[in-house]
Amino acid sequence: MAKDSSFDVVSQVDMQEVDNAYQQTARELTQRYDLKDSGATIDLSKADKLFTINAPADFVARQVNDILNSKLIKRGIDLKAISWDAPQAASGGTVRVLGRIVEGIDQPTAKKINKDVKDRKLKVKVTIEADKLRVSSASKDALQEVIAFLRDQDYGQPLQFTNYR
């Protein structure tokens, strides 16, 4: 019997690169002439994997968000890895926007990926293991087809393919 090949489908974010992008954004907020005295701030809670943007107006919050997004892109972080909440009114007439860093594949998304792969009628076996999926098959061509298919899909978070063997 031929040995099965496999790979893992994961959703991971390099927190060091996220922290570097946060540091660059915070530095730019203190240096840019249009944001220097605006009172806009950005915070990163690494433990909660949460960005908090405080700004005097929604427009300024969007500017800070755009700066952060450009820094994340330069550092190779997919923007789908952060889910932003709607702006909330905070004390003193300011606006607060929260952004959660999405890591790991949750159960509903894993089940949807599993169903989509099975609908392709390829000879592969998909198993859900906590926050990742393992796809295995005797045919490496079938595994390549699954990877190509999943790259074309949008599940609301970035997917990486690791441990290909």
N, C-alpha and C. Protein backbone atom coordinates (compact mmCIF):
# COMPACT_ATOMS: atom_id res chain seq x y z
N MET A 1 0.84 -1.19 0.00
CA MET A 1 0.00 0.00 0.00
C MET A 1 0.89 1.25 0.00
N ALA A 2 0.53 2.22 -0.79
CA ALA A 2 1.30 3.46 -0.87
C ALA A 2 1.10 4.28 0.40
N LYS A 3 2.16 4.95 0.80
CA LYS A 3 2.08 5.79 2.00
C LYS A 3 1.33 7.07 1.66
N ASP A 4 0.44 7.46 2.55
CA ASP A 4 -0.33 8.68 2.32
C ASP A 4 0.54 9.91 2.53
N SER A 5 0.33 10.90 1.69
CA SER A 5 0.94 12.22 1.86
C SER A 5 -0.08 13.11 2.54
N SER A 6 0.39 14.15 3.19
CA SER A 6 -0.56 15.03 3.88
C SER A 6 0.01 16.44 4.00
N PHE A 7 -0.88 17.35 4.36
CA PHE A 7 -0.49 18.71 4.74
C PHE A 7 -1.51 19.24 5.72
N ASP A 8 -1.13 20.30 6.44
CA ASP A 8 -2.03 20.93 7.41
C ASP A 8 -2.50 22.27 6.87
N VAL A 9 -3.77 22.57 7.10
CA VAL A 9 -4.33 23.88 6.79
C VAL A 9 -4.44 24.62 8.12
N VAL A 10 -3.71 25.72 8.25
CA VAL A 10 -3.68 26.48 9.50
C VAL A 10 -3.94 27.95 9.20
N SER A 11 -4.23 28.69 10.26
CA SER A 11 -4.36 30.14 10.15
C SER A 11 -3.54 30.73 11.30
N GLN A 12 -2.34 31.21 10.96
CA GLN A 12 -1.43 31.73 11.96
C GLN A 12 -1.01 33.14 11.59
N VAL A 13 -0.67 33.91 12.63
CA VAL A 13 -0.19 35.27 12.44
C VAL A 13 1.12 35.41 13.20
N ASP A 14 2.13 35.99 12.57
CA ASP A 14 3.41 36.23 13.23
C ASP A 14 3.25 37.45 14.14
N MET A 15 3.11 37.20 15.45
CA MET A 15 2.85 38.29 16.39
C MET A 15 4.02 39.27 16.49
N GLN A 16 5.24 38.82 16.22
CA GLN A 16 6.37 39.74 16.25
C GLN A 16 6.24 40.78 15.13
N GLU A 17 5.81 40.34 13.96
CA GLU A 17 5.62 41.27 12.84
C GLU A 17 4.44 42.21 13.13
N VAL A 18 3.38 41.69 13.77
CA VAL A 18 2.25 42.54 14.15
C VAL A 18 2.72 43.60 15.14
N ASP A 19 3.54 43.20 16.11
CA ASP A 19 4.06 44.14 17.10
C ASP A 19 4.94 45.19 16.42
N ASN A 20 5.76 44.78 15.46
CA ASN A 20 6.59 45.75 14.74
C ASN A 20 5.73 46.76 13.97
N ALA A 21 4.68 46.28 13.32
CA ALA A 21 3.78 47.19 12.60
C ALA A 21 3.10 48.15 13.57
N TYR A 22 2.69 47.63 14.75
CA TYR A 22 2.08 48.48 15.78
C TYR A 22 3.06 49.57 16.23
N GLN A 23 4.31 49.20 16.49
CA GLN A 23 5.32 50.17 16.95
C GLN A 23 5.54 51.25 15.89
N GLN A 24 5.61 50.85 14.62
CA GLN A 24 5.79 51.84 13.55
C GLN A 24 4.60 52.78 13.45
N THR A 25 3.39 52.23 13.62
CA THR A 25 2.18 53.06 13.56
C THR A 25 2.16 54.05 14.71
N ALA A 26 2.48 53.58 15.91
CA ALA A 26 2.49 54.47 17.08
C ALA A 26 3.52 55.59 16.90
N ARG A 27 4.67 55.26 16.33
CA ARG A 27 5.70 56.27 16.08
C ARG A 27 5.21 57.28 15.05
N GLU A 28 4.55 56.79 14.00
CA GLU A 28 4.08 57.70 12.96
C GLU A 28 2.99 58.64 13.49
N LEU A 29 2.18 58.16 14.45
CA LEU A 29 1.15 59.03 15.03
C LEU A 29 1.77 60.21 15.76
N THR A 30 2.93 60.04 16.34
CA THR A 30 3.57 61.15 17.05
C THR A 30 4.34 62.06 16.11
N GLN A 31 4.61 61.61 14.88
CA GLN A 31 5.43 62.40 13.96
C GLN A 31 4.66 63.06 12.83
N ARG A 32 3.53 62.50 12.42
CA ARG A 32 2.81 63.08 11.28
C ARG A 32 2.15 64.40 11.69
N TYR A 33 2.33 65.41 10.87
CA TYR A 33 1.83 66.74 11.22
C TYR A 33 0.31 66.78 11.38
N ASP A 34 -0.43 66.00 10.60
CA ASP A 34 -1.89 66.07 10.68
C ASP A 34 -2.44 65.23 11.83
N LEU A 35 -1.64 64.34 12.42
CA LEU A 35 -2.11 63.50 13.52
C LEU A 35 -1.39 63.78 14.84
N LYS A 36 -0.35 64.61 14.80
CA LYS A 36 0.51 64.82 15.96
C LYS A 36 -0.27 65.29 17.19
N ASP A 37 -1.09 66.30 17.07
CA ASP A 37 -1.81 66.85 18.21
C ASP A 37 -3.29 66.51 18.18
N SER A 38 -3.65 65.47 17.44
CA SER A 38 -5.07 65.13 17.31
C SER A 38 -5.59 64.35 18.52
N GLY A 39 -4.70 63.76 19.29
CA GLY A 39 -5.14 62.96 20.43
C GLY A 39 -5.46 61.52 20.06
N ALA A 40 -5.11 61.11 18.85
CA ALA A 40 -5.36 59.74 18.42
C ALA A 40 -4.29 58.83 19.00
N THR A 41 -4.71 57.66 19.50
CA THR A 41 -3.78 56.68 20.05
C THR A 41 -4.13 55.29 19.53
N ILE A 42 -3.14 54.42 19.57
CA ILE A 42 -3.36 53.02 19.21
C ILE A 42 -2.66 52.17 20.26
N ASP A 43 -3.33 51.09 20.68
CA ASP A 43 -2.78 50.18 21.68
C ASP A 43 -2.89 48.75 21.15
N LEU A 44 -1.94 47.92 21.56
CA LEU A 44 -1.95 46.50 21.20
C LEU A 44 -1.84 45.69 22.48
N SER A 45 -2.81 44.84 22.71
CA SER A 45 -2.76 43.89 23.82
C SER A 45 -2.36 42.54 23.23
N LYS A 46 -1.11 42.13 23.46
CA LYS A 46 -0.63 40.88 22.89
C LYS A 46 -1.36 39.68 23.50
N ALA A 47 -1.66 39.76 24.78
CA ALA A 47 -2.32 38.63 25.45
C ALA A 47 -3.72 38.40 24.88
N ASP A 48 -4.47 39.49 24.65
CA ASP A 48 -5.83 39.37 24.11
C ASP A 48 -5.85 39.39 22.59
N LYS A 49 -4.69 39.69 21.97
CA LYS A 49 -4.60 39.84 20.52
C LYS A 49 -5.64 40.83 20.03
N LEU A 50 -5.54 42.06 20.57
CA LEU A 50 -6.55 43.08 20.35
C LEU A 50 -5.90 44.44 20.11
N PHE A 51 -6.29 45.09 19.01
CA PHE A 51 -5.90 46.48 18.75
C PHE A 51 -7.01 47.38 19.27
N THR A 52 -6.64 48.52 19.86
CA THR A 52 -7.60 49.53 20.27
C THR A 52 -7.16 50.88 19.72
N ILE A 53 -8.01 51.47 18.89
CA ILE A 53 -7.73 52.79 18.33
C ILE A 53 -8.68 53.77 19.00
N ASN A 54 -8.13 54.80 19.65
CA ASN A 54 -8.92 55.89 20.22
C ASN A 54 -8.63 57.15 19.41
N ALA A 55 -9.68 57.83 18.99
CA ALA A 55 -9.50 59.01 18.15
C ALA A 55 -10.62 60.01 18.45
N PRO A 56 -10.37 61.29 18.16
CA PRO A 56 -11.41 62.30 18.42
C PRO A 56 -12.58 62.23 17.44
N ALA A 57 -12.38 61.60 16.29
CA ALA A 57 -13.46 61.51 15.30
C ALA A 57 -13.29 60.23 14.49
N ASP A 58 -14.37 59.83 13.86
CA ASP A 58 -14.36 58.61 13.06
C ASP A 58 -13.36 58.73 11.91
N PHE A 59 -13.27 59.91 11.31
CA PHE A 59 -12.34 60.14 10.21
C PHE A 59 -10.90 59.90 10.63
N VAL A 60 -10.53 60.39 11.81
CA VAL A 60 -9.17 60.21 12.32
C VAL A 60 -8.91 58.74 12.63
N ALA A 61 -9.91 58.05 13.17
CA ALA A 61 -9.77 56.62 13.46
C ALA A 61 -9.51 55.84 12.17
N ARG A 62 -10.19 56.23 11.10
CA ARG A 62 -9.97 55.55 9.82
C ARG A 62 -8.56 55.83 9.29
N GLN A 63 -8.05 57.05 9.52
CA GLN A 63 -6.68 57.37 9.11
C GLN A 63 -5.67 56.49 9.85
N VAL A 64 -5.87 56.35 11.16
CA VAL A 64 -4.97 55.51 11.96
C VAL A 64 -5.05 54.06 11.48
N ASN A 65 -6.27 53.60 11.19
CA ASN A 65 -6.47 52.25 10.69
C ASN A 65 -5.74 52.06 9.35
N ASP A 66 -5.82 53.05 8.47
CA ASP A 66 -5.13 52.97 7.18
C ASP A 66 -3.61 52.89 7.36
N ILE A 67 -3.08 53.67 8.31
CA ILE A 67 -1.64 53.64 8.58
C ILE A 67 -1.24 52.25 9.06
N LEU A 68 -2.01 51.71 10.02
CA LEU A 68 -1.72 50.37 10.54
C LEU A 68 -1.79 49.33 9.44
N ASN A 69 -2.82 49.42 8.59
CA ASN A 69 -2.97 48.45 7.50
C ASN A 69 -1.77 48.51 6.55
N SER A 70 -1.29 49.69 6.24
CA SER A 70 -0.14 49.80 5.33
C SER A 70 1.11 49.20 5.97
N LYS A 71 1.27 49.38 7.27
CA LYS A 71 2.43 48.79 7.97
C LYS A 71 2.31 47.27 8.03
N LEU A 72 1.10 46.75 8.22
CA LEU A 72 0.90 45.30 8.26
C LEU A 72 1.19 44.68 6.90
N ILE A 73 0.74 45.34 5.83
CA ILE A 73 0.98 44.82 4.49
C ILE A 73 2.47 44.77 4.20
N LYS A 74 3.19 45.83 4.57
CA LYS A 74 4.63 45.86 4.34
C LYS A 74 5.34 44.74 5.09
N ARG A 75 4.78 44.32 6.19
CA ARG A 75 5.39 43.26 7.01
C ARG A 75 4.85 41.87 6.67
N GLY A 76 4.03 41.79 5.63
CA GLY A 76 3.59 40.48 5.15
C GLY A 76 2.43 39.87 5.93
N ILE A 77 1.68 40.69 6.65
CA ILE A 77 0.52 40.20 7.40
C ILE A 77 -0.72 40.44 6.55
N ASP A 78 -1.50 39.39 6.34
CA ASP A 78 -2.74 39.48 5.57
C ASP A 78 -3.77 40.28 6.37
N LEU A 79 -4.44 41.23 5.73
CA LEU A 79 -5.41 42.08 6.44
C LEU A 79 -6.64 41.31 6.89
N LYS A 80 -6.89 40.13 6.30
CA LYS A 80 -8.01 39.31 6.74
C LYS A 80 -7.76 38.73 8.13
N ALA A 81 -6.52 38.83 8.61
CA ALA A 81 -6.18 38.30 9.93
C ALA A 81 -6.69 39.19 11.05
N ILE A 82 -7.20 40.38 10.71
CA ILE A 82 -7.74 41.28 11.73
C ILE A 82 -9.18 41.60 11.40
N SER A 83 -10.08 41.33 12.36
CA SER A 83 -11.49 41.67 12.16
C SER A 83 -11.79 42.92 13.00
N TRP A 84 -12.21 43.96 12.32
CA TRP A 84 -12.47 45.25 12.97
C TRP A 84 -13.94 45.36 13.35
N ASP A 85 -14.18 45.84 14.56
CA ASP A 85 -15.53 46.13 15.01
C ASP A 85 -15.96 47.49 14.47
N ALA A 86 -17.24 47.77 14.56
CA ALA A 86 -17.75 49.08 14.17
C ALA A 86 -17.28 50.12 15.19
N PRO A 87 -17.05 51.36 14.75
CA PRO A 87 -16.64 52.40 15.69
C PRO A 87 -17.69 52.61 16.79
N GLN A 88 -17.22 52.77 18.02
CA GLN A 88 -18.11 52.99 19.16
C GLN A 88 -17.83 54.37 19.75
N ALA A 89 -18.87 55.01 20.23
CA ALA A 89 -18.69 56.29 20.91
C ALA A 89 -18.06 56.03 22.26
N ALA A 90 -17.04 56.80 22.60
CA ALA A 90 -16.36 56.66 23.89
C ALA A 90 -16.53 57.96 24.67
N SER A 91 -15.92 58.02 25.84
CA SER A 91 -16.09 59.20 26.70
C SER A 91 -15.44 60.43 26.07
N GLY A 92 -15.98 61.58 26.37
CA GLY A 92 -15.43 62.84 25.88
C GLY A 92 -15.63 63.07 24.39
N GLY A 93 -16.62 62.42 23.80
CA GLY A 93 -16.90 62.63 22.39
C GLY A 93 -15.89 61.96 21.46
N THR A 94 -15.12 61.02 21.98
CA THR A 94 -14.14 60.35 21.15
C THR A 94 -14.73 59.07 20.56
N VAL A 95 -13.96 58.43 19.69
CA VAL A 95 -14.39 57.20 19.03
C VAL A 95 -13.38 56.11 19.35
N ARG A 96 -13.88 54.90 19.61
CA ARG A 96 -13.02 53.76 19.87
C ARG A 96 -13.33 52.67 18.85
N VAL A 97 -12.27 52.09 18.27
CA VAL A 97 -12.42 51.01 17.30
C VAL A 97 -11.55 49.85 17.79
N LEU A 98 -12.14 48.66 17.86
CA LEU A 98 -11.42 47.48 18.30
C LEU A 98 -11.15 46.57 17.11
N GLY A 99 -9.96 46.00 17.06
CA GLY A 99 -9.58 45.05 16.02
C GLY A 99 -9.03 43.79 16.64
N ARG A 100 -9.66 42.66 16.38
CA ARG A 100 -9.22 41.38 16.93
C ARG A 100 -8.37 40.63 15.92
N ILE A 101 -7.25 40.10 16.39
CA ILE A 101 -6.38 39.30 15.53
C ILE A 101 -6.93 37.88 15.52
N VAL A 102 -7.27 37.39 14.34
CA VAL A 102 -7.88 36.07 14.18
C VAL A 102 -6.77 35.05 13.96
N GLU A 103 -6.67 34.08 14.87
CA GLU A 103 -5.69 33.02 14.74
C GLU A 103 -6.36 31.69 15.00
N GLY A 104 -5.98 30.70 14.26
CA GLY A 104 -6.61 29.39 14.40
C GLY A 104 -7.91 29.35 13.60
N ILE A 105 -8.28 28.14 13.21
CA ILE A 105 -9.50 27.97 12.43
C ILE A 105 -10.58 27.50 13.39
N ASP A 106 -11.66 28.28 13.52
CA ASP A 106 -12.74 27.90 14.43
C ASP A 106 -13.57 26.76 13.83
N GLN A 107 -14.38 26.11 14.66
CA GLN A 107 -15.14 24.92 14.24
C GLN A 107 -16.05 25.16 13.03
N PRO A 108 -16.88 26.23 13.02
CA PRO A 108 -17.75 26.43 11.85
C PRO A 108 -16.97 26.60 10.54
N THR A 109 -15.86 27.33 10.60
CA THR A 109 -15.04 27.52 9.40
C THR A 109 -14.39 26.20 8.99
N ALA A 110 -13.91 25.43 9.97
CA ALA A 110 -13.28 24.14 9.67
C ALA A 110 -14.29 23.20 9.02
N LYS A 111 -15.52 23.20 9.51
CA LYS A 111 -16.55 22.34 8.92
C LYS A 111 -16.89 22.79 7.51
N LYS A 112 -16.90 24.11 7.28
CA LYS A 112 -17.20 24.63 5.94
C LYS A 112 -16.09 24.24 4.96
N ILE A 113 -14.82 24.36 5.40
CA ILE A 113 -13.70 23.96 4.56
C ILE A 113 -13.79 22.47 4.25
N ASN A 114 -14.08 21.67 5.27
CA ASN A 114 -14.20 20.22 5.11
C ASN A 114 -15.29 19.89 4.08
N LYS A 115 -16.44 20.55 4.20
CA LYS A 115 -17.55 20.30 3.28
C LYS A 115 -17.18 20.71 1.86
N ASP A 116 -16.54 21.88 1.72
CA ASP A 116 -16.15 22.35 0.39
C ASP A 116 -15.16 21.40 -0.29
N VAL A 117 -14.22 20.87 0.50
CA VAL A 117 -13.24 19.93 -0.08
C VAL A 117 -13.92 18.63 -0.48
N LYS A 118 -14.84 18.15 0.35
CA LYS A 118 -15.55 16.90 0.03
C LYS A 118 -16.45 17.08 -1.19
N ASP A 119 -17.00 18.27 -1.38
CA ASP A 119 -17.84 18.53 -2.55
C ASP A 119 -17.05 18.48 -3.85
N ARG A 120 -15.73 18.63 -3.76
CA ARG A 120 -14.87 18.57 -4.95
C ARG A 120 -14.70 17.13 -5.44
N LYS A 121 -15.12 16.16 -4.64
CA LYS A 121 -15.08 14.73 -5.00
C LYS A 121 -13.66 14.26 -5.33
N LEU A 122 -12.67 14.80 -4.62
CA LEU A 122 -11.30 14.33 -4.76
C LEU A 122 -11.07 13.22 -3.75
N LYS A 123 -10.11 12.37 -4.03
CA LYS A 123 -9.83 11.25 -3.12
C LYS A 123 -8.88 11.72 -2.02
N VAL A 124 -9.43 12.55 -1.13
CA VAL A 124 -8.66 13.04 0.01
C VAL A 124 -9.46 12.83 1.29
N LYS A 125 -8.75 12.79 2.39
CA LYS A 125 -9.38 12.64 3.70
C LYS A 125 -9.05 13.88 4.51
N VAL A 126 -10.08 14.55 5.04
CA VAL A 126 -9.88 15.77 5.82
C VAL A 126 -10.26 15.46 7.27
N THR A 127 -9.34 15.75 8.19
CA THR A 127 -9.64 15.58 9.62
C THR A 127 -9.44 16.92 10.31
N ILE A 128 -10.37 17.24 11.20
CA ILE A 128 -10.30 18.49 11.96
C ILE A 128 -9.57 18.19 13.26
N GLU A 129 -8.46 18.90 13.51
CA GLU A 129 -7.66 18.72 14.71
C GLU A 129 -7.55 20.06 15.43
N ALA A 130 -8.41 20.27 16.43
CA ALA A 130 -8.43 21.50 17.23
C ALA A 130 -8.60 22.71 16.30
N ASP A 131 -7.55 23.52 16.11
CA ASP A 131 -7.66 24.73 15.31
C ASP A 131 -6.95 24.62 13.96
N LYS A 132 -6.79 23.38 13.46
CA LYS A 132 -6.22 23.18 12.14
C LYS A 132 -6.89 21.99 11.47
N LEU A 133 -6.65 21.83 10.18
CA LEU A 133 -7.18 20.69 9.44
C LEU A 133 -6.01 19.93 8.84
N ARG A 134 -6.10 18.62 8.84
CA ARG A 134 -5.10 17.80 8.16
C ARG A 134 -5.77 17.15 6.96
N VAL A 135 -5.15 17.35 5.80
CA VAL A 135 -5.66 16.77 4.56
C VAL A 135 -4.65 15.72 4.12
N SER A 136 -5.13 14.48 3.90
CA SER A 136 -4.22 13.41 3.49
C SER A 136 -4.80 12.66 2.30
N SER A 137 -3.89 12.11 1.51
CA SER A 137 -4.27 11.36 0.32
C SER A 137 -3.08 10.56 -0.17
N ALA A 138 -3.35 9.51 -0.93
CA ALA A 138 -2.27 8.74 -1.54
C ALA A 138 -1.71 9.50 -2.74
N SER A 139 -2.51 10.37 -3.33
CA SER A 139 -2.12 11.10 -4.52
C SER A 139 -1.67 12.51 -4.17
N LYS A 140 -0.42 12.83 -4.51
CA LYS A 140 0.07 14.19 -4.26
C LYS A 140 -0.61 15.19 -5.19
N ASP A 141 -1.04 14.73 -6.36
CA ASP A 141 -1.75 15.61 -7.28
C ASP A 141 -3.08 16.07 -6.68
N ALA A 142 -3.76 15.16 -5.98
CA ALA A 142 -5.03 15.52 -5.33
C ALA A 142 -4.78 16.56 -4.24
N LEU A 143 -3.68 16.42 -3.52
CA LEU A 143 -3.35 17.40 -2.48
C LEU A 143 -3.06 18.77 -3.10
N GLN A 144 -2.36 18.78 -4.22
CA GLN A 144 -2.08 20.03 -4.92
C GLN A 144 -3.37 20.69 -5.40
N GLU A 145 -4.32 19.88 -5.87
CA GLU A 145 -5.62 20.42 -6.29
C GLU A 145 -6.35 21.06 -5.12
N VAL A 146 -6.30 20.41 -3.95
CA VAL A 146 -6.96 20.95 -2.76
C VAL A 146 -6.34 22.28 -2.37
N ILE A 147 -5.01 22.35 -2.39
CA ILE A 147 -4.32 23.61 -2.05
C ILE A 147 -4.74 24.71 -3.03
N ALA A 148 -4.72 24.42 -4.31
CA ALA A 148 -5.12 25.41 -5.31
C ALA A 148 -6.56 25.85 -5.11
N PHE A 149 -7.44 24.89 -4.81
CA PHE A 149 -8.85 25.21 -4.58
C PHE A 149 -9.01 26.12 -3.36
N LEU A 150 -8.35 25.79 -2.25
CA LEU A 150 -8.49 26.57 -1.02
C LEU A 150 -7.90 27.97 -1.16
N ARG A 151 -6.87 28.11 -1.97
CA ARG A 151 -6.29 29.45 -2.19
C ARG A 151 -7.28 30.36 -2.91
N ASP A 152 -8.15 29.78 -3.73
CA ASP A 152 -9.13 30.58 -4.48
C ASP A 152 -10.35 30.93 -3.65
N GLN A 153 -10.55 30.27 -2.52
CA GLN A 153 -11.73 30.50 -1.68
C GLN A 153 -11.46 31.61 -0.67
N ASP A 154 -12.54 32.20 -0.15
CA ASP A 154 -12.43 33.22 0.89
C ASP A 154 -13.21 32.77 2.11
N TYR A 155 -12.49 32.47 3.17
CA TYR A 155 -13.13 32.03 4.42
C TYR A 155 -13.05 33.09 5.50
N GLY A 156 -12.69 34.32 5.13
CA GLY A 156 -12.67 35.42 6.09
C GLY A 156 -11.42 35.47 6.93
N GLN A 157 -10.46 34.61 6.65
CA GLN A 157 -9.20 34.64 7.36
C GLN A 157 -8.13 34.02 6.46
N PRO A 158 -6.87 34.41 6.68
CA PRO A 158 -5.83 33.85 5.82
C PRO A 158 -5.55 32.39 6.16
N LEU A 159 -5.28 31.59 5.15
CA LEU A 159 -4.96 30.18 5.36
C LEU A 159 -3.53 29.93 4.89
N GLN A 160 -2.80 29.13 5.67
CA GLN A 160 -1.47 28.70 5.27
C GLN A 160 -1.47 27.18 5.20
N PHE A 161 -0.55 26.66 4.40
CA PHE A 161 -0.46 25.21 4.20
C PHE A 161 0.92 24.77 4.67
N THR A 162 0.96 23.97 5.73
CA THR A 162 2.23 23.59 6.35
C THR A 162 2.36 22.08 6.41
N ASN A 163 3.56 21.62 6.77
CA ASN A 163 3.86 20.20 6.96
C ASN A 163 3.51 19.37 5.74
N TYR A 164 3.79 19.87 4.57
CA TYR A 164 3.50 19.10 3.36
C TYR A 164 4.51 17.97 3.25
N ARG A 165 4.01 16.74 3.27
CA ARG A 165 4.92 15.58 3.16
C ARG A 165 4.21 14.44 2.47
